[in-house]
Amino acid sequence: MGRDTEPGTVYEFVVKGGLDDRFAFHFEGMRLERRDGTTALIGRLVDQPQVAGVMAQIQELGLELISVRQLEKGDQAAGPASPRIG
């Protein structure tokens, strides 16, 4: 099954600071990309409760959320849909 036919939408959550890999288990199924003092969490989410779950996890960890956006099909590829986040 190709990426364009997978369920869900790819989201990018940008948080302040360069998160290291030990944070990855908090965001199962998402890719972490460190960029100039921020970290982007990128992954395919299947519904709004998953989006809310990622945002809740960011808040619970005390991270500063800078931005959230849906990525277009031409933007960066993401990992598989995650059955559980947060």
N, C-alpha and C. Protein backbone atom coordinates (compact mmCIF):
# COMPACT_ATOMS: atom_id res chain seq x y z
N MET A 1 0.85 -1.18 0.00
CA MET A 1 0.00 0.00 0.00
C MET A 1 0.89 1.23 0.00
N GLY A 2 0.70 2.17 -0.92
CA GLY A 2 1.51 3.37 -1.02
C GLY A 2 1.13 4.40 0.03
N ARG A 3 2.01 5.35 0.26
CA ARG A 3 1.78 6.39 1.26
C ARG A 3 0.52 7.19 0.98
N ASP A 4 0.20 7.44 -0.29
CA ASP A 4 -0.98 8.24 -0.63
C ASP A 4 -2.28 7.52 -0.31
N THR A 5 -2.25 6.19 -0.16
CA THR A 5 -3.47 5.46 0.12
C THR A 5 -3.61 5.08 1.60
N GLU A 6 -2.60 5.41 2.41
CA GLU A 6 -2.68 5.11 3.83
C GLU A 6 -3.69 6.04 4.48
N PRO A 7 -4.41 5.55 5.49
CA PRO A 7 -5.39 6.41 6.16
C PRO A 7 -4.69 7.48 6.99
N GLY A 8 -5.40 8.57 7.18
CA GLY A 8 -4.90 9.63 8.05
C GLY A 8 -4.22 10.76 7.31
N THR A 9 -3.72 11.67 8.10
CA THR A 9 -3.08 12.88 7.60
C THR A 9 -1.74 13.03 8.29
N VAL A 10 -0.74 13.50 7.55
CA VAL A 10 0.58 13.71 8.13
C VAL A 10 0.60 15.07 8.82
N TYR A 11 1.04 15.07 10.08
CA TYR A 11 1.14 16.29 10.87
C TYR A 11 2.58 16.52 11.28
N GLU A 12 2.90 17.80 11.47
CA GLU A 12 4.20 18.21 12.00
C GLU A 12 3.96 19.07 13.24
N PHE A 13 4.50 18.64 14.37
CA PHE A 13 4.45 19.39 15.62
C PHE A 13 5.86 19.87 15.89
N VAL A 14 6.06 21.18 16.05
CA VAL A 14 7.38 21.71 16.32
C VAL A 14 7.42 22.18 17.76
N VAL A 15 8.42 21.69 18.50
CA VAL A 15 8.61 22.07 19.90
C VAL A 15 9.97 22.73 20.07
N LYS A 16 10.05 23.56 21.09
CA LYS A 16 11.30 24.26 21.38
C LYS A 16 12.30 23.27 21.98
N GLY A 17 13.54 23.38 21.55
CA GLY A 17 14.62 22.55 22.08
C GLY A 17 14.93 21.37 21.18
N GLY A 18 16.12 20.86 21.35
CA GLY A 18 16.56 19.70 20.58
C GLY A 18 16.34 18.43 21.36
N LEU A 19 15.20 17.79 21.19
CA LEU A 19 14.90 16.56 21.92
C LEU A 19 15.82 15.44 21.46
N ASP A 20 16.31 14.67 22.42
CA ASP A 20 17.13 13.53 22.02
C ASP A 20 16.26 12.29 21.87
N ASP A 21 16.88 11.21 21.46
CA ASP A 21 16.14 10.00 21.11
C ASP A 21 15.40 9.36 22.29
N ARG A 22 15.74 9.71 23.51
CA ARG A 22 15.02 9.10 24.64
C ARG A 22 13.58 9.58 24.71
N PHE A 23 13.25 10.65 24.01
CA PHE A 23 11.87 11.12 23.95
C PHE A 23 11.04 10.36 22.92
N ALA A 24 11.69 9.62 22.04
CA ALA A 24 11.01 8.97 20.93
C ALA A 24 9.89 8.02 21.39
N PHE A 25 10.10 7.31 22.49
CA PHE A 25 9.07 6.35 22.93
C PHE A 25 7.79 7.05 23.37
N HIS A 26 7.89 8.33 23.73
CA HIS A 26 6.69 9.10 24.09
C HIS A 26 5.82 9.40 22.87
N PHE A 27 6.44 9.34 21.70
CA PHE A 27 5.76 9.69 20.46
C PHE A 27 5.88 8.54 19.46
N GLU A 28 5.41 7.39 19.86
CA GLU A 28 5.49 6.17 19.07
C GLU A 28 4.93 6.37 17.67
N GLY A 29 5.67 5.92 16.67
CA GLY A 29 5.22 6.03 15.29
C GLY A 29 5.53 7.36 14.63
N MET A 30 6.17 8.27 15.38
CA MET A 30 6.51 9.58 14.81
C MET A 30 8.02 9.69 14.66
N ARG A 31 8.43 10.49 13.70
CA ARG A 31 9.84 10.73 13.44
C ARG A 31 10.23 12.05 14.10
N LEU A 32 11.40 12.09 14.76
CA LEU A 32 11.92 13.30 15.36
C LEU A 32 13.01 13.88 14.47
N GLU A 33 12.89 15.16 14.14
CA GLU A 33 13.91 15.85 13.34
C GLU A 33 14.35 17.09 14.10
N ARG A 34 15.64 17.14 14.45
CA ARG A 34 16.17 18.30 15.14
C ARG A 34 16.56 19.37 14.13
N ARG A 35 16.13 20.62 14.41
CA ARG A 35 16.37 21.74 13.48
C ARG A 35 16.64 23.02 14.27
N ASP A 36 17.85 23.51 14.24
CA ASP A 36 18.20 24.83 14.80
C ASP A 36 17.46 25.18 16.09
N GLY A 37 17.66 24.41 17.13
CA GLY A 37 17.06 24.71 18.42
C GLY A 37 15.61 24.29 18.58
N THR A 38 15.08 23.56 17.61
CA THR A 38 13.72 23.03 17.72
C THR A 38 13.75 21.56 17.32
N THR A 39 12.66 20.88 17.61
CA THR A 39 12.49 19.49 17.15
C THR A 39 11.12 19.37 16.51
N ALA A 40 11.10 18.80 15.32
CA ALA A 40 9.84 18.53 14.63
C ALA A 40 9.47 17.07 14.87
N LEU A 41 8.24 16.85 15.28
CA LEU A 41 7.67 15.52 15.43
C LEU A 41 6.74 15.32 14.25
N ILE A 42 7.04 14.35 13.39
CA ILE A 42 6.29 14.18 12.15
C ILE A 42 5.72 12.78 12.10
N GLY A 43 4.42 12.70 11.81
CA GLY A 43 3.81 11.38 11.71
C GLY A 43 2.40 11.45 11.16
N ARG A 44 1.94 10.29 10.73
CA ARG A 44 0.60 10.16 10.16
C ARG A 44 -0.37 9.83 11.29
N LEU A 45 -1.39 10.66 11.45
CA LEU A 45 -2.40 10.46 12.48
C LEU A 45 -3.73 10.23 11.81
N VAL A 46 -4.52 9.30 12.35
CA VAL A 46 -5.74 8.89 11.66
C VAL A 46 -6.97 9.69 12.05
N ASP A 47 -6.92 10.40 13.21
CA ASP A 47 -8.11 11.16 13.61
C ASP A 47 -7.74 12.28 14.58
N GLN A 48 -8.71 13.13 14.88
CA GLN A 48 -8.47 14.27 15.76
C GLN A 48 -8.11 13.86 17.19
N PRO A 49 -8.66 12.77 17.74
CA PRO A 49 -8.21 12.36 19.07
C PRO A 49 -6.71 12.04 19.12
N GLN A 50 -6.14 11.52 18.04
CA GLN A 50 -4.69 11.30 18.02
C GLN A 50 -3.95 12.61 18.03
N VAL A 51 -4.43 13.61 17.29
CA VAL A 51 -3.81 14.94 17.29
C VAL A 51 -3.84 15.50 18.72
N ALA A 52 -4.99 15.41 19.36
CA ALA A 52 -5.12 15.89 20.73
C ALA A 52 -4.21 15.12 21.67
N GLY A 53 -4.03 13.82 21.43
CA GLY A 53 -3.15 13.01 22.26
C GLY A 53 -1.70 13.45 22.17
N VAL A 54 -1.24 13.77 20.96
CA VAL A 54 0.13 14.26 20.79
C VAL A 54 0.29 15.59 21.52
N MET A 55 -0.68 16.47 21.37
CA MET A 55 -0.61 17.77 22.03
C MET A 55 -0.62 17.61 23.55
N ALA A 56 -1.41 16.68 24.06
CA ALA A 56 -1.45 16.42 25.50
C ALA A 56 -0.11 15.87 25.99
N GLN A 57 0.50 14.99 25.20
CA GLN A 57 1.80 14.42 25.57
C GLN A 57 2.87 15.51 25.60
N ILE A 58 2.83 16.42 24.64
CA ILE A 58 3.78 17.54 24.62
C ILE A 58 3.61 18.37 25.88
N GLN A 59 2.38 18.66 26.24
CA GLN A 59 2.11 19.45 27.45
C GLN A 59 2.55 18.69 28.70
N GLU A 60 2.24 17.41 28.78
CA GLU A 60 2.59 16.60 29.94
C GLU A 60 4.10 16.55 30.17
N LEU A 61 4.86 16.54 29.09
CA LEU A 61 6.32 16.52 29.19
C LEU A 61 6.91 17.89 29.47
N GLY A 62 6.06 18.92 29.49
CA GLY A 62 6.53 20.27 29.77
C GLY A 62 7.27 20.91 28.61
N LEU A 63 6.98 20.45 27.39
CA LEU A 63 7.63 21.00 26.20
C LEU A 63 6.86 22.21 25.71
N GLU A 64 7.57 23.14 25.10
CA GLU A 64 6.92 24.33 24.54
C GLU A 64 6.57 24.07 23.08
N LEU A 65 5.27 24.06 22.78
CA LEU A 65 4.78 23.85 21.42
C LEU A 65 4.89 25.16 20.63
N ILE A 66 5.58 25.10 19.52
CA ILE A 66 5.76 26.29 18.67
C ILE A 66 4.72 26.32 17.56
N SER A 67 4.51 25.17 16.91
CA SER A 67 3.53 25.15 15.81
C SER A 67 3.05 23.73 15.55
N VAL A 68 1.88 23.67 14.90
CA VAL A 68 1.29 22.41 14.43
C VAL A 68 0.78 22.69 13.04
N ARG A 69 1.05 21.77 12.12
CA ARG A 69 0.50 21.94 10.77
C ARG A 69 0.33 20.60 10.10
N GLN A 70 -0.64 20.57 9.19
CA GLN A 70 -0.84 19.40 8.33
C GLN A 70 0.12 19.53 7.17
N LEU A 71 0.79 18.45 6.83
CA LEU A 71 1.70 18.48 5.69
C LEU A 71 0.95 18.05 4.43
N GLU A 72 1.25 18.70 3.36
CA GLU A 72 0.64 18.35 2.08
C GLU A 72 1.30 17.08 1.53
N LYS A 73 0.68 16.44 0.58
CA LYS A 73 1.20 15.19 0.02
C LYS A 73 2.61 15.34 -0.53
N GLY A 74 2.97 16.52 -1.04
CA GLY A 74 4.30 16.73 -1.60
C GLY A 74 5.35 17.00 -0.55
N ASP A 75 4.95 17.26 0.70
CA ASP A 75 5.91 17.51 1.77
C ASP A 75 6.58 16.22 2.19
N GLN A 76 7.39 16.29 3.23
CA GLN A 76 8.18 15.15 3.68
C GLN A 76 7.32 13.93 3.97
N ALA A 77 7.87 12.76 3.64
CA ALA A 77 7.20 11.48 3.92
C ALA A 77 7.20 11.24 5.42
N ALA A 78 6.23 10.52 5.89
CA ALA A 78 6.12 10.24 7.31
C ALA A 78 6.05 8.74 7.55
N GLY A 79 6.15 8.40 8.79
CA GLY A 79 6.08 7.01 9.19
C GLY A 79 4.66 6.49 9.07
N PRO A 80 4.46 5.23 9.42
CA PRO A 80 3.13 4.62 9.33
C PRO A 80 2.16 5.22 10.35
N ALA A 81 0.90 5.01 10.15
CA ALA A 81 -0.09 5.47 11.12
C ALA A 81 0.19 4.80 12.45
N SER A 82 0.09 5.56 13.51
CA SER A 82 0.38 5.04 14.83
C SER A 82 -0.93 4.67 15.53
N PRO A 83 -1.04 3.46 16.02
CA PRO A 83 -2.29 3.06 16.68
C PRO A 83 -2.50 3.75 18.02
N ARG A 84 -1.41 4.20 18.65
CA ARG A 84 -1.57 4.82 19.98
C ARG A 84 -0.47 5.85 20.16
N ILE A 85 -0.85 7.07 20.48
CA ILE A 85 0.12 8.12 20.78
C ILE A 85 -0.30 8.75 22.07
N GLY A 86 0.68 8.94 22.94
CA GLY A 86 0.41 9.62 24.20
C GLY A 86 -0.04 8.77 25.26
